[in-house]
Amino acid sequence: MTEPDLVGLFVAPLESLGLDYMITGDVASVIYGDPRFTRDIDLVLELQEADAGGLLDAYSPDGFYRPPLEAVMEEIRRPRHGHFNIIHRDTALRADVYLLGDDPLHAWAFERRVRIPLEADVAIWLAPPEYVVVRKLQYYKESESDRHLRDVSAILEISGKRIEMIEVEEWAGHLGLEDALRAARSFNR
């Protein structure tokens, strides 16, 4: 790795440890929608207490900020919304790590994650596009940032044929995101 990249910095260690994960957020939006620059990678990770030390050891403290083991253990014990960051010191590139927990949307997406090749010898686990759309709709509802609508609009336009819209609509209804979905469908990029 000559130039630091998000996958090389943050996903390669997960692959070498054999941990189950999926990439979501802006990186997934770029893959399913419009290319753009992002300085962070969002990961949903299935992490057990027994694996926490090994995970932290995979990111050297000289090269990365990583939370103390006790903080990671506390996040693992949370049934939902467990979260921590790992930051590359030289570049400030960041991984936002969200723990699988018992979140039904995470679980639904984890069962449907997609393995995609990046290069001849590199493949990654990617969240399904329906999950990425629903999460982006949630982010829009929370922040009202048009950036999320733009991302959803691009994903629907570029990857629309591979998206099961009935799933998106069901999750949107379940999570109260119907207005956000309508806004994304009519968003002018």
Protein backbone atom coordinates (compact mmCIF):
# COMPACT_ATOMS: atom_id res chain seq x y z
CA MET A 1 0.00 0.00 0.00
CA THR A 2 1.88 3.08 -1.22
CA GLU A 3 -0.82 5.66 -0.49
CA PRO A 4 -3.10 5.13 2.50
CA ASP A 5 -6.62 4.12 1.54
CA LEU A 6 -9.72 3.36 3.59
CA VAL A 7 -9.98 -0.31 2.61
CA GLY A 8 -6.26 -0.98 3.06
CA LEU A 9 -6.12 0.78 6.41
CA PHE A 10 -9.33 -0.40 8.02
CA VAL A 11 -10.80 -3.40 6.18
CA ALA A 12 -7.67 -5.44 5.49
CA PRO A 13 -7.09 -6.06 9.22
CA LEU A 14 -10.71 -7.26 9.60
CA GLU A 15 -10.21 -9.63 6.70
CA SER A 16 -6.97 -11.01 8.15
CA LEU A 17 -8.67 -11.58 11.52
CA GLY A 18 -11.64 -13.29 9.86
CA LEU A 19 -14.14 -10.94 11.53
CA ASP A 20 -17.58 -10.52 10.01
CA TYR A 21 -18.26 -6.97 8.80
CA MET A 22 -19.94 -4.97 6.07
CA ILE A 23 -19.09 -1.58 4.62
CA THR A 24 -21.89 0.97 4.55
CA GLY A 25 -22.22 4.77 4.65
CA ASP A 26 -20.43 7.03 2.19
CA VAL A 27 -18.10 4.35 0.81
CA ALA A 28 -21.09 2.15 -0.06
CA SER A 29 -22.84 5.21 -1.51
CA VAL A 30 -19.86 5.79 -3.77
CA ILE A 31 -19.90 2.17 -4.94
CA TYR A 32 -23.67 2.11 -5.57
CA GLY A 33 -24.03 5.75 -6.66
CA ASP A 34 -21.91 8.75 -7.63
CA PRO A 35 -18.16 8.71 -7.04
CA ARG A 36 -16.96 11.34 -4.60
CA PHE A 37 -14.24 11.75 -2.01
CA THR A 38 -14.76 10.61 1.56
CA ARG A 39 -12.35 10.57 4.50
CA ASP A 40 -14.14 7.93 6.54
CA ILE A 41 -15.49 4.44 6.23
CA ASP A 42 -18.54 3.16 8.09
CA LEU A 43 -18.38 -0.47 9.13
CA VAL A 44 -20.95 -2.69 10.81
CA LEU A 45 -18.98 -5.29 12.73
CA GLU A 46 -19.97 -8.44 14.55
CA LEU A 47 -17.58 -8.37 17.49
CA GLN A 48 -17.45 -10.65 20.52
CA GLU A 49 -15.70 -9.73 23.75
CA ALA A 50 -13.14 -12.50 23.14
CA ASP A 51 -12.13 -10.83 19.83
CA ALA A 52 -11.87 -7.22 21.07
CA GLY A 53 -8.20 -7.37 22.10
CA GLY A 54 -7.17 -8.93 18.80
CA LEU A 55 -9.08 -6.28 16.90
CA LEU A 56 -7.30 -3.46 18.72
CA ASP A 57 -3.92 -5.19 18.29
CA ALA A 58 -4.51 -5.22 14.50
CA TYR A 59 -4.30 -1.39 14.55
CA SER A 60 -0.95 -0.42 16.04
CA PRO A 61 -1.13 2.39 18.60
CA ASP A 62 1.77 4.11 16.80
CA GLY A 63 -0.22 4.36 13.58
CA PHE A 64 -3.78 4.59 14.87
CA TYR A 65 -5.86 6.12 17.57
CA ARG A 66 -8.02 3.33 18.93
CA PRO A 67 -10.15 3.39 22.05
CA PRO A 68 -9.03 1.57 25.17
CA LEU A 69 -10.06 -2.08 25.45
CA GLU A 70 -12.41 -1.24 28.33
CA ALA A 71 -14.32 1.24 26.16
CA VAL A 72 -14.68 -1.28 23.33
CA MET A 73 -15.89 -3.92 25.80
CA GLU A 74 -18.50 -1.51 27.11
CA GLU A 75 -19.72 -0.82 23.57
CA ILE A 76 -19.91 -4.57 22.83
CA ARG A 77 -22.16 -5.03 25.87
CA ARG A 78 -24.65 -2.46 24.60
CA PRO A 79 -27.55 -4.28 22.93
CA ARG A 80 -27.93 -1.50 20.32
CA HIS A 81 -25.98 1.49 19.07
CA GLY A 82 -22.54 0.21 20.11
CA HIS A 83 -20.01 2.40 18.32
CA PHE A 84 -16.36 3.46 18.37
CA ASN A 85 -13.80 5.07 16.04
CA ILE A 86 -10.38 4.08 14.81
CA ILE A 87 -8.34 6.93 13.31
CA HIS A 88 -5.18 6.74 11.21
CA ARG A 89 -2.77 9.21 12.81
CA ASP A 90 -0.84 10.27 9.67
CA THR A 91 -3.84 10.94 7.41
CA ALA A 92 -6.77 11.46 9.84
CA LEU A 93 -8.72 8.89 7.81
CA ARG A 94 -11.32 7.35 10.11
CA ALA A 95 -13.34 4.18 10.55
CA ASP A 96 -16.69 4.56 12.29
CA VAL A 97 -17.33 1.08 13.68
CA TYR A 98 -20.95 0.25 14.50
CA LEU A 99 -21.54 -3.01 16.32
CA LEU A 100 -24.12 -5.47 15.04
CA GLY A 101 -25.85 -5.90 18.40
CA ASP A 102 -29.55 -6.76 18.19
CA ASP A 103 -30.51 -4.03 15.71
CA PRO A 104 -33.03 -5.67 13.33
CA LEU A 105 -32.00 -3.56 10.32
CA HIS A 106 -28.32 -4.42 10.87
CA ALA A 107 -29.25 -8.12 11.16
CA TRP A 108 -31.40 -8.00 8.03
CA ALA A 109 -28.60 -6.36 6.03
CA PHE A 110 -25.88 -8.60 7.45
CA GLU A 111 -27.69 -11.66 6.10
CA ARG A 112 -27.78 -9.99 2.66
CA ARG A 113 -24.34 -8.43 2.50
CA VAL A 114 -22.52 -8.78 -0.80
CA ARG A 115 -18.94 -9.88 -1.44
CA ILE A 116 -17.41 -7.76 -4.20
CA PRO A 117 -13.92 -7.93 -5.71
CA LEU A 118 -11.85 -4.76 -5.76
CA GLU A 119 -8.68 -6.17 -7.30
CA ALA A 120 -7.44 -9.62 -8.29
CA ASP A 121 -6.61 -10.55 -4.69
CA VAL A 122 -8.85 -8.17 -2.70
CA ALA A 123 -12.56 -8.56 -1.97
CA ILE A 124 -14.76 -6.79 0.56
CA TRP A 125 -18.15 -7.28 2.22
CA LEU A 126 -20.56 -4.53 1.25
CA ALA A 127 -23.95 -3.76 2.76
CA PRO A 128 -26.83 -4.36 0.35
CA PRO A 129 -27.98 -1.21 -1.47
CA GLU A 130 -31.40 -1.32 0.22
CA TYR A 131 -29.73 -0.98 3.63
CA VAL A 132 -27.54 1.88 2.44
CA VAL A 133 -30.62 3.71 1.13
CA VAL A 134 -32.58 3.20 4.36
CA ARG A 135 -29.67 4.33 6.56
CA LYS A 136 -29.13 7.40 4.38
CA LEU A 137 -32.84 8.20 4.76
CA GLN A 138 -32.43 7.93 8.53
CA TYR A 139 -29.42 10.27 8.42
CA TYR A 140 -31.44 12.73 6.34
CA LYS A 141 -34.34 12.62 8.80
CA GLU A 142 -31.93 13.29 11.69
CA SER A 143 -29.85 16.01 10.03
CA GLU A 144 -31.97 17.35 7.14
CA SER A 145 -28.75 17.45 5.10
CA ASP A 146 -29.44 17.37 1.37
CA ARG A 147 -26.20 15.42 0.95
CA HIS A 148 -28.04 12.28 2.09
CA LEU A 149 -30.90 12.92 -0.35
CA ARG A 150 -28.35 13.42 -3.12
CA ASP A 151 -26.69 10.12 -2.21
CA VAL A 152 -30.01 8.23 -2.16
CA SER A 153 -31.09 9.82 -5.44
CA ALA A 154 -27.81 8.75 -7.08
CA ILE A 155 -28.05 5.21 -5.72
CA LEU A 156 -31.64 4.87 -6.97
CA GLU A 157 -30.67 6.21 -10.39
CA ILE A 158 -27.42 4.31 -10.88
CA SER A 159 -28.16 1.03 -9.06
CA GLY A 160 -31.95 1.08 -9.27
CA LYS A 161 -32.23 -2.17 -11.21
CA ARG A 162 -30.47 -4.12 -8.46
CA ILE A 163 -32.48 -2.59 -5.60
CA GLU A 164 -35.51 -4.38 -4.22
CA MET A 165 -37.67 -1.29 -3.72
CA ILE A 166 -40.33 -3.26 -1.85
CA GLU A 167 -37.73 -3.88 0.89
CA VAL A 168 -36.78 -0.20 0.99
CA GLU A 169 -40.44 0.81 1.18
CA GLU A 170 -41.18 -1.70 3.94
CA TRP A 171 -38.25 -0.52 6.06
CA ALA A 172 -39.11 3.12 5.33
CA GLY A 173 -42.66 2.47 6.55
CA HIS A 174 -41.47 0.59 9.62
CA LEU A 175 -39.01 3.36 10.56
CA GLY A 176 -41.21 6.35 9.67
CA LEU A 177 -39.10 7.38 6.67
CA GLU A 178 -41.83 7.65 4.03
CA ASP A 179 -41.44 11.44 3.66
CA ALA A 180 -37.66 11.12 3.38
CA LEU A 181 -38.04 8.46 0.68
CA ARG A 182 -40.45 10.68 -1.28
CA ALA A 183 -38.00 13.58 -0.97
CA ALA A 184 -35.14 11.41 -2.23
CA ARG A 185 -37.16 10.15 -5.19
CA SER A 186 -37.94 13.71 -6.28
CA PHE A 187 -34.52 15.18 -5.45
CA ASN A 188 -32.92 17.09 -8.32
CA ARG A 189 -29.20 16.40 -8.44
